[in-house]
Amino acid sequence: MTPYNNAVSVFARKFHTVYSKAGSDGTLNIRISERKLFVNTLYILISVASKYAEGLVYPADYHQDMTEELYMLKRMILDAYVAK
């Protein structure tokens, strides 16, 4: 678990920096606690990455660049957190 925990720690520090900046400049929906937003974001990222890696979202032999689909998921996730 050490490599996983180290990766999560790095992500947590970077996430805290982004959360703090976005909260102070008003671009983030600060009604969501940092902890809740972090846990949900980490869960989504791990889930999406594992689904793509396992070929559950798109078959492994599906020879197409899925970059646009990943950007679409990113926009959907960020839309839920951006202050309106």
C-alpha atoms as a PDB file:
ATOM      1  CA  MET A   1       0.000   0.000   0.000  1.00  0.00           C
ATOM      2  CA  THR A   2       2.992   2.320   0.375  1.00  0.00           C
ATOM      3  CA  PRO A   3       3.153   3.343  -3.321  1.00  0.00           C
ATOM      4  CA  TYR A   4      -0.598   3.977  -3.347  1.00  0.00           C
ATOM      5  CA  ASN A   5      -0.488   5.978  -0.109  1.00  0.00           C
ATOM      6  CA  ASN A   6       2.460   8.015  -1.387  1.00  0.00           C
ATOM      7  CA  ALA A   7       0.611   8.818  -4.603  1.00  0.00           C
ATOM      8  CA  VAL A   8      -2.513   9.823  -2.665  1.00  0.00           C
ATOM      9  CA  SER A   9      -0.417  12.060  -0.386  1.00  0.00           C
ATOM     10  CA  VAL A  10       1.096  13.867  -3.354  1.00  0.00           C
ATOM     11  CA  PHE A  11      -2.351  14.297  -4.892  1.00  0.00           C
ATOM     12  CA  ALA A  12      -3.753  15.523  -1.551  1.00  0.00           C
ATOM     13  CA  ARG A  13      -1.095  18.239  -1.240  1.00  0.00           C
ATOM     14  CA  LYS A  14      -1.662  19.437  -4.795  1.00  0.00           C
ATOM     15  CA  PHE A  15      -5.418  19.251  -4.335  1.00  0.00           C
ATOM     16  CA  HIS A  16      -5.183  21.387  -1.170  1.00  0.00           C
ATOM     17  CA  THR A  17      -3.260  24.069  -3.078  1.00  0.00           C
ATOM     18  CA  VAL A  18      -5.838  24.139  -5.865  1.00  0.00           C
ATOM     19  CA  TYR A  19      -8.767  24.055  -3.419  1.00  0.00           C
ATOM     20  CA  SER A  20      -7.337  26.979  -1.437  1.00  0.00           C
ATOM     21  CA  LYS A  21      -6.682  29.110  -4.516  1.00  0.00           C
ATOM     22  CA  ALA A  22     -10.046  28.307  -6.100  1.00  0.00           C
ATOM     23  CA  GLY A  23     -11.847  29.058  -2.840  1.00  0.00           C
ATOM     24  CA  SER A  24     -10.172  32.421  -2.437  1.00  0.00           C
ATOM     25  CA  ASP A  25     -10.763  33.562  -6.016  1.00  0.00           C
ATOM     26  CA  GLY A  26     -14.353  32.303  -6.094  1.00  0.00           C
ATOM     27  CA  THR A  27     -14.049  29.766  -8.909  1.00  0.00           C
ATOM     28  CA  LEU A  28     -14.910  26.810  -6.678  1.00  0.00           C
ATOM     29  CA  ASN A  29     -18.190  25.952  -5.039  1.00  0.00           C
ATOM     30  CA  ILE A  30     -16.867  26.303  -1.506  1.00  0.00           C
ATOM     31  CA  ARG A  31     -20.087  24.903  -0.024  1.00  0.00           C
ATOM     32  CA  ILE A  32     -18.472  21.520  -0.531  1.00  0.00           C
ATOM     33  CA  SER A  33     -15.874  20.745   2.160  1.00  0.00           C
ATOM     34  CA  GLU A  34     -12.313  20.136   1.051  1.00  0.00           C
ATOM     35  CA  ARG A  35     -12.342  16.622   2.488  1.00  0.00           C
ATOM     36  CA  LYS A  36     -15.581  15.641   0.746  1.00  0.00           C
ATOM     37  CA  LEU A  37     -14.472  17.166  -2.546  1.00  0.00           C
ATOM     38  CA  PHE A  38     -11.073  15.457  -2.299  1.00  0.00           C
ATOM     39  CA  VAL A  39     -12.512  12.022  -1.535  1.00  0.00           C
ATOM     40  CA  ASN A  40     -15.100  12.275  -4.306  1.00  0.00           C
ATOM     41  CA  THR A  41     -12.581  13.550  -6.859  1.00  0.00           C
ATOM     42  CA  LEU A  42     -10.059  10.841  -5.977  1.00  0.00           C
ATOM     43  CA  TYR A  43     -12.758   8.161  -6.203  1.00  0.00           C
ATOM     44  CA  ILE A  44     -13.909   9.406  -9.605  1.00  0.00           C
ATOM     45  CA  LEU A  45     -10.364   9.568 -10.983  1.00  0.00           C
ATOM     46  CA  ILE A  46      -9.504   6.075  -9.770  1.00  0.00           C
ATOM     47  CA  SER A  47     -12.797   4.668 -11.035  1.00  0.00           C
ATOM     48  CA  VAL A  48     -12.464   6.197 -14.482  1.00  0.00           C
ATOM     49  CA  ALA A  49      -8.812   5.149 -14.808  1.00  0.00           C
ATOM     50  CA  SER A  50      -9.538   1.576 -13.759  1.00  0.00           C
ATOM     51  CA  LYS A  51     -12.519   1.245 -16.089  1.00  0.00           C
ATOM     52  CA  TYR A  52     -10.417   2.394 -19.035  1.00  0.00           C
ATOM     53  CA  ALA A  53      -7.479   0.174 -17.996  1.00  0.00           C
ATOM     54  CA  GLU A  54      -9.706  -2.878 -17.646  1.00  0.00           C
ATOM     55  CA  GLY A  55     -11.434  -2.209 -20.948  1.00  0.00           C
ATOM     56  CA  LEU A  56     -14.820  -2.045 -19.242  1.00  0.00           C
ATOM     57  CA  VAL A  57     -15.733   1.301 -20.738  1.00  0.00           C
ATOM     58  CA  TYR A  58     -14.234   0.666 -24.146  1.00  0.00           C
ATOM     59  CA  PRO A  59     -12.832  -2.699 -25.274  1.00  0.00           C
ATOM     60  CA  ALA A  60      -9.037  -2.932 -25.338  1.00  0.00           C
ATOM     61  CA  ASP A  61      -9.105  -3.649 -29.071  1.00  0.00           C
ATOM     62  CA  TYR A  62     -11.100  -0.467 -29.730  1.00  0.00           C
ATOM     63  CA  HIS A  63      -8.334   1.355 -31.589  1.00  0.00           C
ATOM     64  CA  GLN A  64      -9.476   4.904 -31.207  1.00  0.00           C
ATOM     65  CA  ASP A  65      -8.060   7.853 -29.357  1.00  0.00           C
ATOM     66  CA  MET A  66     -10.356   8.339 -26.357  1.00  0.00           C
ATOM     67  CA  THR A  67      -8.956  11.768 -25.453  1.00  0.00           C
ATOM     68  CA  GLU A  68     -12.191  13.589 -26.316  1.00  0.00           C
ATOM     69  CA  GLU A  69     -14.218  11.268 -24.103  1.00  0.00           C
ATOM     70  CA  LEU A  70     -11.816  11.842 -21.206  1.00  0.00           C
ATOM     71  CA  TYR A  71     -12.082  15.627 -21.685  1.00  0.00           C
ATOM     72  CA  MET A  72     -15.857  15.308 -21.670  1.00  0.00           C
ATOM     73  CA  LEU A  73     -15.732  13.423 -18.356  1.00  0.00           C
ATOM     74  CA  LYS A  74     -13.397  16.080 -16.969  1.00  0.00           C
ATOM     75  CA  ARG A  75     -15.823  18.860 -17.981  1.00  0.00           C
ATOM     76  CA  MET A  76     -18.748  16.981 -16.395  1.00  0.00           C
ATOM     77  CA  ILE A  77     -16.838  16.511 -13.132  1.00  0.00           C
ATOM     78  CA  LEU A  78     -15.616  20.102 -12.965  1.00  0.00           C
ATOM     79  CA  ASP A  79     -19.055  21.479 -13.789  1.00  0.00           C
ATOM     80  CA  ALA A  80     -20.395  20.016 -10.545  1.00  0.00           C
ATOM     81  CA  TYR A  81     -17.819  21.926  -8.495  1.00  0.00           C
ATOM     82  CA  VAL A  82     -17.551  25.286 -10.227  1.00  0.00           C
ATOM     83  CA  ALA A  83     -19.233  28.206  -8.493  1.00  0.00           C
ATOM     84  CA  LYS A  84     -22.228  29.523 -10.386  1.00  0.00           C
END
